[in-house]
Every structure is written in C-alpha cells, then in structure tokens.
Amino acid sequence: ATGQLIRTLLGHSDYVVSVAFSPDGGTLVSGSTDHLVMIWDSITGQLLHTLQGHKDIVLSVKFSPDGRTIASGSWDHTAKLWEAASGQLLATLEGHSSAVRSVAFSPDDRTLATAGDDGTIRLWDTATRKDLATFDSQYIGKDLSHQGIRSIVFSPDGRTLASGLGNYTIELWDLSALNQ
C-alpha cells in the first residue's frame, strides 16, 4: 500500500458529499451538492451516467448488495432508487419531512432503510417500493442543531439496524420480526 493517487474523477460542479463502490468494485457512485448522482467506471475513471432528479443536495449514495440498484438520499426530503446499469430512475420514495441523510440496503437486498433530520427511520420494500415501517428515534433533545439521524447501517445478518444520531448517541433497532 503506497498511498499513491491513482486517478482524479472530474464531473461534479460542487462538493462531493458521498461516494460508494459497487460490490464488485468496478463502479463508483457519487452524490454532490450540485444535486447530481454520478456513476463512474472505477478502473478507467470514465463517467458512465449523470442522474438528475433530486431537487437539492444529495447526502448519501449506496449500491445494493447485488450491485444492480443505487439508492440516494437528499436534502429534498426524498430517497430515490436508480438502475445502476442504465442510470434509469426506478422510484422516488417520499415520506420524510426533512433531509434524508443516510440510506442503507439490507444484506438480502429486500429492504432499503432511509433516515434523516426528522428523527425517523423508514424501511422500504425494494421490490414493491412500499413503506414497510417507520421508527421514531427515542432520543430527547431540545437543541435542534443536534437532532436527526446522520447515519444508518444494517448488521451483516440483517436482523439489527444501527443509527448514529446528532446528539452523540447510537440506537440499535431489532428487525427480526420483519424478517419472518
């Protein structure tokens, strides 16, 4: 590991806020304050697709475990699902009342979790795009600058969801009942 710079990818017109590799490492997705999601060939650096649809900053991007779908979360209160190969918009997921700061796929690809500044986590069926459940964060705080969920991740077995909050805490959520 030399730490040598391999390549610089140019295309966004403002800050890049989130990046994620596809499971096979061959593709990279980026989200930016320019409201765009971009899909790149990580080997050549070639821009493959520019995805337009968000009306504000793209705060989080992730590939599904099978690499076929990309999820993005935005300041525009929505999450979007995109086909990774073509860049085609598959669905817009609405329900949050403020910025969607984090998106995460379950290990089995069946569920997308979204979380944000409204202090909620929403679970979505990736096939039907239906809202499966909503969890309200249990933290108590009056300082609005520290409220909201900043990050979410599924455990490797998909039975637990961890959320990182703006009030310096982590909440763990039991999802075992949803997987039956």
N, C-alpha and C. Protein backbone atom coordinates (compact mmCIF):
# COMPACT_ATOMS: atom_id res chain seq x y z
N ALA A 1 0.85 -1.18 0.00
CA ALA A 1 0.00 0.00 0.00
C ALA A 1 0.89 1.24 0.00
N THR A 2 0.95 1.88 -1.14
CA THR A 2 1.82 3.05 -1.27
C THR A 2 1.10 4.36 -0.99
N GLY A 3 -0.24 4.35 -1.06
CA GLY A 3 -0.99 5.58 -0.89
C GLY A 3 -0.90 6.50 -2.09
N GLN A 4 -0.45 5.97 -3.21
CA GLN A 4 -0.29 6.77 -4.42
C GLN A 4 -1.65 7.05 -5.05
N LEU A 5 -1.86 8.30 -5.45
CA LEU A 5 -3.08 8.68 -6.15
C LEU A 5 -3.15 7.96 -7.48
N ILE A 6 -4.26 7.28 -7.73
CA ILE A 6 -4.43 6.52 -8.98
C ILE A 6 -5.06 7.39 -10.05
N ARG A 7 -6.08 8.16 -9.67
CA ARG A 7 -6.86 8.89 -10.66
C ARG A 7 -7.72 9.93 -9.95
N THR A 8 -8.04 11.01 -10.63
CA THR A 8 -8.97 12.02 -10.14
C THR A 8 -10.15 12.07 -11.10
N LEU A 9 -11.35 11.96 -10.56
CA LEU A 9 -12.55 11.95 -11.38
C LEU A 9 -13.17 13.34 -11.38
N LEU A 10 -13.35 13.90 -12.55
CA LEU A 10 -13.89 15.24 -12.69
C LEU A 10 -15.25 15.19 -13.36
N GLY A 11 -16.22 15.93 -12.80
CA GLY A 11 -17.55 15.96 -13.39
C GLY A 11 -18.54 16.75 -12.56
N HIS A 12 -18.43 16.64 -11.25
CA HIS A 12 -19.33 17.40 -10.39
C HIS A 12 -18.94 18.88 -10.41
N SER A 13 -19.93 19.74 -10.21
CA SER A 13 -19.67 21.18 -10.21
C SER A 13 -19.69 21.76 -8.79
N ASP A 14 -19.80 20.91 -7.78
CA ASP A 14 -19.80 21.37 -6.39
C ASP A 14 -19.31 20.22 -5.51
N TYR A 15 -19.34 20.41 -4.19
CA TYR A 15 -18.80 19.43 -3.24
C TYR A 15 -19.35 18.03 -3.47
N VAL A 16 -18.48 17.04 -3.40
CA VAL A 16 -18.90 15.64 -3.40
C VAL A 16 -19.10 15.25 -1.94
N VAL A 17 -20.32 14.83 -1.62
CA VAL A 17 -20.71 14.57 -0.23
C VAL A 17 -20.63 13.09 0.12
N SER A 18 -20.91 12.22 -0.86
CA SER A 18 -20.96 10.79 -0.58
C SER A 18 -20.46 10.00 -1.79
N VAL A 19 -19.72 8.93 -1.53
CA VAL A 19 -19.24 8.02 -2.57
C VAL A 19 -19.40 6.58 -2.08
N ALA A 20 -19.61 5.66 -3.01
CA ALA A 20 -19.72 4.24 -2.66
C ALA A 20 -19.30 3.39 -3.86
N PHE A 21 -18.60 2.30 -3.58
CA PHE A 21 -18.23 1.33 -4.60
C PHE A 21 -19.34 0.31 -4.79
N SER A 22 -19.45 -0.22 -6.00
CA SER A 22 -20.32 -1.37 -6.26
C SER A 22 -19.68 -2.57 -5.57
N PRO A 23 -20.48 -3.62 -5.31
CA PRO A 23 -19.92 -4.81 -4.63
C PRO A 23 -18.71 -5.41 -5.34
N ASP A 24 -18.66 -5.35 -6.68
CA ASP A 24 -17.51 -5.92 -7.39
C ASP A 24 -16.36 -4.93 -7.55
N GLY A 25 -16.56 -3.70 -7.08
CA GLY A 25 -15.50 -2.69 -7.14
C GLY A 25 -15.31 -2.03 -8.49
N GLY A 26 -16.05 -2.45 -9.50
CA GLY A 26 -15.85 -1.93 -10.85
C GLY A 26 -16.53 -0.60 -11.13
N THR A 27 -17.45 -0.22 -10.26
CA THR A 27 -18.21 1.00 -10.47
C THR A 27 -18.22 1.80 -9.17
N LEU A 28 -18.26 3.11 -9.32
CA LEU A 28 -18.32 4.03 -8.18
C LEU A 28 -19.52 4.93 -8.41
N VAL A 29 -20.22 5.27 -7.34
CA VAL A 29 -21.31 6.24 -7.42
C VAL A 29 -20.97 7.40 -6.49
N SER A 30 -21.36 8.60 -6.92
CA SER A 30 -21.09 9.80 -6.11
C SER A 30 -22.34 10.66 -6.04
N GLY A 31 -22.48 11.35 -4.92
CA GLY A 31 -23.58 12.30 -4.71
C GLY A 31 -22.99 13.63 -4.30
N SER A 32 -23.62 14.74 -4.72
CA SER A 32 -22.99 16.04 -4.57
C SER A 32 -23.98 17.14 -4.20
N THR A 33 -23.41 18.26 -3.76
CA THR A 33 -24.22 19.45 -3.51
C THR A 33 -24.71 20.07 -4.81
N ASP A 34 -24.25 19.57 -5.96
CA ASP A 34 -24.76 20.04 -7.26
C ASP A 34 -26.08 19.36 -7.63
N HIS A 35 -26.64 18.55 -6.70
CA HIS A 35 -27.93 17.86 -6.84
C HIS A 35 -27.85 16.63 -7.74
N LEU A 36 -26.66 16.23 -8.14
CA LEU A 36 -26.49 15.13 -9.08
C LEU A 36 -25.95 13.87 -8.41
N VAL A 37 -26.31 12.75 -9.01
CA VAL A 37 -25.70 11.45 -8.71
C VAL A 37 -24.95 11.06 -9.97
N MET A 38 -23.70 10.64 -9.83
CA MET A 38 -22.91 10.23 -10.99
C MET A 38 -22.39 8.81 -10.79
N ILE A 39 -22.40 8.06 -11.89
CA ILE A 39 -21.90 6.68 -11.88
C ILE A 39 -20.64 6.65 -12.74
N TRP A 40 -19.58 6.07 -12.19
CA TRP A 40 -18.26 6.08 -12.81
C TRP A 40 -17.73 4.66 -12.97
N ASP A 41 -16.95 4.44 -14.02
CA ASP A 41 -16.14 3.23 -14.13
C ASP A 41 -14.93 3.47 -13.23
N SER A 42 -14.78 2.66 -12.20
CA SER A 42 -13.72 2.93 -11.22
C SER A 42 -12.34 2.54 -11.73
N ILE A 43 -12.26 1.76 -12.79
CA ILE A 43 -10.98 1.38 -13.36
C ILE A 43 -10.45 2.46 -14.30
N THR A 44 -11.32 2.90 -15.23
CA THR A 44 -10.89 3.88 -16.23
C THR A 44 -11.13 5.32 -15.80
N GLY A 45 -12.05 5.52 -14.84
CA GLY A 45 -12.43 6.87 -14.42
C GLY A 45 -13.48 7.51 -15.31
N GLN A 46 -13.95 6.78 -16.31
CA GLN A 46 -14.95 7.31 -17.25
C GLN A 46 -16.28 7.52 -16.54
N LEU A 47 -16.90 8.68 -16.79
CA LEU A 47 -18.25 8.95 -16.31
C LEU A 47 -19.22 8.16 -17.16
N LEU A 48 -19.99 7.28 -16.52
CA LEU A 48 -20.93 6.42 -17.25
C LEU A 48 -22.32 7.05 -17.36
N HIS A 49 -22.79 7.63 -16.25
CA HIS A 49 -24.14 8.20 -16.22
C HIS A 49 -24.19 9.38 -15.26
N THR A 50 -24.94 10.40 -15.62
CA THR A 50 -25.27 11.51 -14.72
C THR A 50 -26.76 11.42 -14.44
N LEU A 51 -27.12 11.26 -13.17
CA LEU A 51 -28.50 11.03 -12.79
C LEU A 51 -29.09 12.32 -12.23
N GLN A 52 -30.10 12.82 -12.91
CA GLN A 52 -30.77 14.04 -12.49
C GLN A 52 -32.15 13.69 -11.97
N GLY A 53 -32.56 14.32 -10.90
CA GLY A 53 -33.88 14.05 -10.34
C GLY A 53 -34.05 14.64 -8.96
N HIS A 54 -32.96 14.71 -8.21
CA HIS A 54 -33.06 15.35 -6.90
C HIS A 54 -33.11 16.87 -7.08
N LYS A 55 -33.87 17.51 -6.19
CA LYS A 55 -34.04 18.96 -6.27
C LYS A 55 -33.13 19.70 -5.29
N ASP A 56 -32.27 18.95 -4.59
CA ASP A 56 -31.37 19.57 -3.63
C ASP A 56 -30.15 18.66 -3.44
N ILE A 57 -29.33 18.99 -2.46
CA ILE A 57 -28.07 18.28 -2.18
C ILE A 57 -28.31 16.78 -2.01
N VAL A 58 -27.47 15.97 -2.65
CA VAL A 58 -27.50 14.52 -2.47
C VAL A 58 -26.54 14.19 -1.33
N LEU A 59 -27.10 13.69 -0.23
CA LEU A 59 -26.35 13.49 1.01
C LEU A 59 -25.79 12.08 1.17
N SER A 60 -26.40 11.10 0.51
CA SER A 60 -25.99 9.71 0.71
C SER A 60 -26.26 8.90 -0.55
N VAL A 61 -25.30 8.07 -0.93
CA VAL A 61 -25.46 7.14 -2.04
C VAL A 61 -24.94 5.77 -1.63
N LYS A 62 -25.63 4.71 -2.08
CA LYS A 62 -25.20 3.34 -1.80
C LYS A 62 -25.62 2.42 -2.93
N PHE A 63 -24.81 1.40 -3.18
CA PHE A 63 -25.18 0.31 -4.08
C PHE A 63 -25.89 -0.77 -3.27
N SER A 64 -26.83 -1.45 -3.92
CA SER A 64 -27.43 -2.64 -3.31
C SER A 64 -26.39 -3.75 -3.28
N PRO A 65 -26.55 -4.74 -2.40
CA PRO A 65 -25.59 -5.83 -2.33
C PRO A 65 -25.40 -6.60 -3.64
N ASP A 66 -26.44 -6.65 -4.50
CA ASP A 66 -26.27 -7.34 -5.78
C ASP A 66 -25.70 -6.42 -6.86
N GLY A 67 -25.53 -5.12 -6.52
CA GLY A 67 -24.91 -4.18 -7.44
C GLY A 67 -25.82 -3.66 -8.54
N ARG A 68 -27.08 -4.07 -8.55
CA ARG A 68 -27.98 -3.70 -9.64
C ARG A 68 -28.74 -2.40 -9.40
N THR A 69 -28.79 -1.96 -8.14
CA THR A 69 -29.58 -0.78 -7.79
C THR A 69 -28.73 0.18 -6.98
N ILE A 70 -28.98 1.47 -7.18
CA ILE A 70 -28.35 2.52 -6.39
C ILE A 70 -29.46 3.25 -5.65
N ALA A 71 -29.22 3.57 -4.39
CA ALA A 71 -30.13 4.40 -3.61
C ALA A 71 -29.43 5.72 -3.33
N SER A 72 -30.21 6.79 -3.34
CA SER A 72 -29.68 8.11 -2.99
C SER A 72 -30.66 8.80 -2.05
N GLY A 73 -30.12 9.54 -1.10
CA GLY A 73 -30.93 10.32 -0.16
C GLY A 73 -30.55 11.78 -0.30
N SER A 74 -31.54 12.66 -0.14
CA SER A 74 -31.31 14.07 -0.44
C SER A 74 -31.93 15.02 0.56
N TRP A 75 -31.40 16.24 0.53
CA TRP A 75 -31.93 17.36 1.30
C TRP A 75 -33.36 17.67 0.85
N ASP A 76 -33.77 17.17 -0.32
CA ASP A 76 -35.12 17.44 -0.84
C ASP A 76 -36.20 16.57 -0.20
N HIS A 77 -35.84 15.83 0.87
CA HIS A 77 -36.76 15.00 1.68
C HIS A 77 -37.09 13.67 1.01
N THR A 78 -36.41 13.32 -0.08
CA THR A 78 -36.71 12.06 -0.77
C THR A 78 -35.49 11.15 -0.82
N ALA A 79 -35.80 9.89 -1.07
CA ALA A 79 -34.78 8.92 -1.47
C ALA A 79 -35.19 8.44 -2.86
N LYS A 80 -34.21 8.08 -3.66
CA LYS A 80 -34.51 7.59 -4.99
C LYS A 80 -33.78 6.27 -5.22
N LEU A 81 -34.41 5.41 -6.01
CA LEU A 81 -33.79 4.17 -6.46
C LEU A 81 -33.53 4.28 -7.95
N TRP A 82 -32.31 3.90 -8.34
CA TRP A 82 -31.86 4.01 -9.73
C TRP A 82 -31.35 2.66 -10.19
N GLU A 83 -31.54 2.35 -11.47
CA GLU A 83 -30.92 1.17 -12.05
C GLU A 83 -29.45 1.49 -12.31
N ALA A 84 -28.55 0.70 -11.74
CA ALA A 84 -27.12 1.00 -11.83
C ALA A 84 -26.59 0.91 -13.26
N ALA A 85 -27.05 -0.06 -14.03
CA ALA A 85 -26.52 -0.27 -15.37
C ALA A 85 -26.88 0.86 -16.33
N SER A 86 -28.10 1.37 -16.22
CA SER A 86 -28.57 2.38 -17.18
C SER A 86 -28.68 3.78 -16.60
N GLY A 87 -28.75 3.87 -15.27
CA GLY A 87 -28.98 5.16 -14.62
C GLY A 87 -30.44 5.56 -14.60
N GLN A 88 -31.32 4.68 -15.04
CA GLN A 88 -32.76 4.98 -15.09
C GLN A 88 -33.33 5.10 -13.68
N LEU A 89 -34.18 6.12 -13.47
CA LEU A 89 -34.87 6.29 -12.20
C LEU A 89 -35.93 5.20 -12.07
N LEU A 90 -35.88 4.45 -10.98
CA LEU A 90 -36.85 3.38 -10.73
C LEU A 90 -37.98 3.83 -9.82
N ALA A 91 -37.66 4.66 -8.81
CA ALA A 91 -38.69 5.08 -7.86
C ALA A 91 -38.20 6.28 -7.06
N THR A 92 -39.16 7.09 -6.65
CA THR A 92 -38.92 8.17 -5.69
C THR A 92 -39.68 7.81 -4.44
N LEU A 93 -38.98 7.72 -3.32
CA LEU A 93 -39.57 7.32 -2.05
C LEU A 93 -39.81 8.57 -1.20
N GLU A 94 -41.07 8.84 -0.92
CA GLU A 94 -41.45 10.03 -0.17
C GLU A 94 -42.07 9.65 1.16
N GLY A 95 -41.81 10.43 2.18
CA GLY A 95 -42.37 10.17 3.50
C GLY A 95 -41.65 10.92 4.60
N HIS A 96 -40.38 11.23 4.39
CA HIS A 96 -39.64 12.02 5.37
C HIS A 96 -40.08 13.48 5.30
N SER A 97 -40.05 14.15 6.44
CA SER A 97 -40.46 15.56 6.48
C SER A 97 -39.26 16.51 6.45
N SER A 98 -38.07 15.96 6.30
CA SER A 98 -36.86 16.78 6.16
C SER A 98 -35.79 15.95 5.44
N ALA A 99 -34.57 16.44 5.46
CA ALA A 99 -33.48 15.84 4.69
C ALA A 99 -33.29 14.36 5.00
N VAL A 100 -33.06 13.57 3.94
CA VAL A 100 -32.70 12.15 4.08
C VAL A 100 -31.18 12.09 4.05
N ARG A 101 -30.59 11.90 5.23
CA ARG A 101 -29.13 11.96 5.37
C ARG A 101 -28.43 10.65 5.10
N SER A 102 -29.13 9.52 5.22
CA SER A 102 -28.46 8.23 5.07
C SER A 102 -29.41 7.20 4.47
N VAL A 103 -28.86 6.36 3.60
CA VAL A 103 -29.60 5.24 3.02
C VAL A 103 -28.75 3.98 3.20
N ALA A 104 -29.43 2.84 3.37
CA ALA A 104 -28.71 1.57 3.54
C ALA A 104 -29.58 0.42 3.05
N PHE A 105 -28.97 -0.51 2.32
CA PHE A 105 -29.66 -1.71 1.87
C PHE A 105 -29.43 -2.83 2.88
N SER A 106 -30.46 -3.66 3.08
CA SER A 106 -30.28 -4.86 3.89
C SER A 106 -29.40 -5.84 3.12
N PRO A 107 -28.73 -6.75 3.83
CA PRO A 107 -27.83 -7.70 3.16
C PRO A 107 -28.52 -8.57 2.11
N ASP A 108 -29.83 -8.83 2.27
CA ASP A 108 -30.55 -9.67 1.31
C ASP A 108 -31.17 -8.86 0.17
N ASP A 109 -30.92 -7.55 0.10
CA ASP A 109 -31.42 -6.68 -0.96
C ASP A 109 -32.92 -6.41 -0.89
N ARG A 110 -33.61 -6.95 0.09
CA ARG A 110 -35.07 -6.84 0.11
C ARG A 110 -35.58 -5.55 0.74
N THR A 111 -34.73 -4.88 1.51
CA THR A 111 -35.18 -3.70 2.26
C THR A 111 -34.18 -2.57 2.10
N LEU A 112 -34.71 -1.37 1.94
CA LEU A 112 -33.90 -0.15 1.98
C LEU A 112 -34.32 0.61 3.23
N ALA A 113 -33.34 1.05 4.00
CA ALA A 113 -33.61 1.92 5.14
C ALA A 113 -33.20 3.34 4.77
N THR A 114 -34.02 4.31 5.16
CA THR A 114 -33.70 5.72 4.98
C THR A 114 -33.84 6.41 6.32
N ALA A 115 -33.01 7.40 6.57
CA ALA A 115 -33.06 8.10 7.85
C ALA A 115 -32.66 9.55 7.66
N GLY A 116 -33.16 10.39 8.56
CA GLY A 116 -32.83 11.79 8.37
C GLY A 116 -33.09 12.71 9.52
N ASP A 117 -33.13 13.98 9.16
CA ASP A 117 -33.24 15.05 10.15
C ASP A 117 -34.57 15.06 10.88
N ASP A 118 -35.59 14.38 10.36
CA ASP A 118 -36.87 14.34 11.06
C ASP A 118 -36.86 13.34 12.22
N GLY A 119 -35.74 12.66 12.46
CA GLY A 119 -35.62 11.73 13.57
C GLY A 119 -36.30 10.40 13.32
N THR A 120 -36.60 10.09 12.06
CA THR A 120 -37.24 8.81 11.75
C THR A 120 -36.37 7.96 10.84
N ILE A 121 -36.60 6.66 10.96
CA ILE A 121 -36.05 5.67 10.05
C ILE A 121 -37.25 5.05 9.34
N ARG A 122 -37.16 4.96 8.04
CA ARG A 122 -38.22 4.32 7.27
C ARG A 122 -37.63 3.11 6.56
N LEU A 123 -38.38 2.02 6.55
CA LEU A 123 -37.98 0.81 5.84
C LEU A 123 -38.89 0.64 4.64
N TRP A 124 -38.27 0.35 3.49
CA TRP A 124 -38.98 0.24 2.22
C TRP A 124 -38.72 -1.12 1.61
N ASP A 125 -39.75 -1.72 1.02
CA ASP A 125 -39.60 -2.95 0.26
C ASP A 125 -38.98 -2.56 -1.09
N THR A 126 -37.82 -3.11 -1.42
CA THR A 126 -37.14 -2.70 -2.65
C THR A 126 -37.84 -3.19 -3.91
N ALA A 127 -38.64 -4.23 -3.81
CA ALA A 127 -39.36 -4.74 -4.99
C ALA A 127 -40.63 -3.94 -5.26
N THR A 128 -41.43 -3.71 -4.21
CA THR A 128 -42.72 -3.02 -4.39
C THR A 128 -42.61 -1.52 -4.15
N ARG A 129 -41.51 -1.09 -3.52
CA ARG A 129 -41.28 0.32 -3.14
C ARG A 129 -42.29 0.81 -2.10
N LYS A 130 -42.91 -0.12 -1.38
CA LYS A 130 -43.87 0.22 -0.33
C LYS A 130 -43.14 0.51 0.98
N ASP A 131 -43.69 1.43 1.74
CA ASP A 131 -43.18 1.78 3.07
C ASP A 131 -43.59 0.66 4.02
N LEU A 132 -42.61 -0.06 4.58
CA LEU A 132 -42.87 -1.20 5.45
C LEU A 132 -43.05 -0.82 6.91
N ALA A 133 -42.27 0.14 7.37
CA ALA A 133 -42.31 0.52 8.79
C ALA A 133 -41.62 1.86 8.97
N THR A 134 -41.99 2.55 10.04
CA THR A 134 -41.33 3.80 10.43
C THR A 134 -41.00 3.71 11.91
N PHE A 135 -39.76 4.03 12.25
CA PHE A 135 -39.32 4.06 13.64
C PHE A 135 -38.97 5.48 14.01
N ASP A 136 -39.45 5.92 15.17
CA ASP A 136 -39.11 7.25 15.68
C ASP A 136 -37.96 7.11 16.66
N SER A 137 -36.92 7.89 16.44
CA SER A 137 -35.78 7.89 17.35
C SER A 137 -36.26 8.22 18.76
N GLN A 138 -35.65 7.59 19.74
CA GLN A 138 -36.07 7.77 21.12
C GLN A 138 -35.27 8.82 21.88
N TYR A 139 -34.33 9.48 21.21
CA TYR A 139 -33.52 10.45 21.91
C TYR A 139 -34.36 11.66 22.31
N ILE A 140 -33.92 12.34 23.35
CA ILE A 140 -34.59 13.55 23.81
C ILE A 140 -33.60 14.69 23.70
N GLY A 141 -34.00 15.76 23.07
CA GLY A 141 -33.10 16.90 22.95
C GLY A 141 -33.85 18.12 22.46
N LYS A 142 -33.52 19.25 23.01
CA LYS A 142 -34.18 20.48 22.61
C LYS A 142 -33.32 21.32 21.67
N ASP A 143 -32.02 21.01 21.59
CA ASP A 143 -31.12 21.74 20.70
C ASP A 143 -31.27 21.18 19.29
N LEU A 144 -31.98 21.92 18.44
CA LEU A 144 -32.30 21.41 17.11
C LEU A 144 -31.07 21.14 16.26
N SER A 145 -29.95 21.78 16.56
CA SER A 145 -28.74 21.55 15.76
C SER A 145 -28.19 20.14 15.98
N HIS A 146 -28.61 19.47 17.03
CA HIS A 146 -28.10 18.13 17.32
C HIS A 146 -29.14 17.05 17.08
N GLN A 147 -30.25 17.40 16.48
CA GLN A 147 -31.27 16.40 16.26
C GLN A 147 -31.13 15.78 14.88
N GLY A 148 -31.76 14.66 14.72
CA GLY A 148 -31.74 13.97 13.44
C GLY A 148 -30.82 12.78 13.45
N ILE A 149 -31.06 11.90 12.48
CA ILE A 149 -30.26 10.69 12.32
C ILE A 149 -29.29 10.94 11.18
N ARG A 150 -28.02 10.76 11.45
CA ARG A 150 -26.96 11.09 10.48
C ARG A 150 -26.49 9.90 9.67
N SER A 151 -26.64 8.69 10.22
CA SER A 151 -26.08 7.51 9.57
C SER A 151 -26.84 6.27 9.99
N ILE A 152 -27.01 5.33 9.05
CA ILE A 152 -27.64 4.04 9.37
C ILE A 152 -26.90 2.93 8.66
N VAL A 153 -26.93 1.73 9.27
CA VAL A 153 -26.29 0.56 8.67
C VAL A 153 -26.98 -0.70 9.21
N PHE A 154 -27.14 -1.69 8.33
CA PHE A 154 -27.66 -3.00 8.74
C PHE A 154 -26.52 -3.85 9.26
N SER A 155 -26.83 -4.72 10.22
CA SER A 155 -25.87 -5.73 10.66
C SER A 155 -25.72 -6.75 9.53
N PRO A 156 -24.62 -7.50 9.51
CA PRO A 156 -24.41 -8.48 8.42
C PRO A 156 -25.54 -9.50 8.27
N ASP A 157 -26.24 -9.85 9.36
CA ASP A 157 -27.35 -10.81 9.25
C ASP A 157 -28.68 -10.12 8.97
N GLY A 158 -28.71 -8.79 8.92
CA GLY A 158 -29.92 -8.06 8.60
C GLY A 158 -30.94 -7.98 9.71
N ARG A 159 -30.61 -8.48 10.89
CA ARG A 159 -31.58 -8.51 12.00
C ARG A 159 -31.54 -7.28 12.89
N THR A 160 -30.50 -6.45 12.71
CA THR A 160 -30.36 -5.26 13.54
C THR A 160 -29.98 -4.09 12.64
N LEU A 161 -30.51 -2.92 12.97
CA LEU A 161 -30.15 -1.69 12.28
C LEU A 161 -29.55 -0.75 13.32
N ALA A 162 -28.42 -0.17 13.00
CA ALA A 162 -27.79 0.82 13.89
C ALA A 162 -27.97 2.20 13.28
N SER A 163 -28.28 3.18 14.14
CA SER A 163 -28.42 4.56 13.67
C SER A 163 -27.55 5.46 14.52
N GLY A 164 -26.82 6.34 13.85
CA GLY A 164 -25.98 7.33 14.53
C GLY A 164 -26.71 8.66 14.54
N LEU A 165 -26.81 9.26 15.71
CA LEU A 165 -27.63 10.45 15.88
C LEU A 165 -26.80 11.70 16.10
N GLY A 166 -27.43 12.83 15.85
CA GLY A 166 -26.79 14.12 16.02
C GLY A 166 -26.59 14.52 17.47
N ASN A 167 -27.12 13.74 18.40
CA ASN A 167 -26.93 14.05 19.83
C ASN A 167 -25.85 13.16 20.45
N TYR A 168 -24.96 12.64 19.62
CA TYR A 168 -23.79 11.86 20.04
C TYR A 168 -24.13 10.45 20.52
N THR A 169 -25.28 9.90 20.12
CA THR A 169 -25.67 8.56 20.55
C THR A 169 -25.88 7.65 19.34
N ILE A 170 -25.96 6.37 19.64
CA ILE A 170 -26.26 5.34 18.65
C ILE A 170 -27.46 4.55 19.17
N GLU A 171 -28.40 4.29 18.29
CA GLU A 171 -29.54 3.46 18.66
C GLU A 171 -29.49 2.18 17.84
N LEU A 172 -29.81 1.05 18.48
CA LEU A 172 -29.86 -0.24 17.81
C LEU A 172 -31.32 -0.68 17.74
N TRP A 173 -31.74 -1.11 16.56
CA TRP A 173 -33.13 -1.47 16.31
C TRP A 173 -33.22 -2.95 15.95
N ASP A 174 -34.14 -3.67 16.61
CA ASP A 174 -34.36 -5.09 16.35
C ASP A 174 -35.31 -5.23 15.16
N LEU A 175 -34.84 -5.86 14.10
CA LEU A 175 -35.65 -6.05 12.89
C LEU A 175 -36.07 -7.49 12.69
N SER A 176 -35.81 -8.34 13.67
CA SER A 176 -36.07 -9.78 13.49
C SER A 176 -37.52 -10.07 13.15
N ALA A 177 -38.48 -9.33 13.69
CA ALA A 177 -39.89 -9.57 13.41
C ALA A 177 -40.23 -9.28 11.94
N LEU A 178 -39.49 -8.36 11.31
CA LEU A 178 -39.75 -8.02 9.91
C LEU A 178 -39.25 -9.07 8.96
N ASN A 179 -38.31 -9.93 9.40
CA ASN A 179 -37.68 -10.92 8.53
C ASN A 179 -38.35 -12.29 8.59
N GLN A 180 -39.50 -12.37 9.19
CA GLN A 180 -40.17 -13.67 9.32
C GLN A 180 -41.10 -13.93 8.17
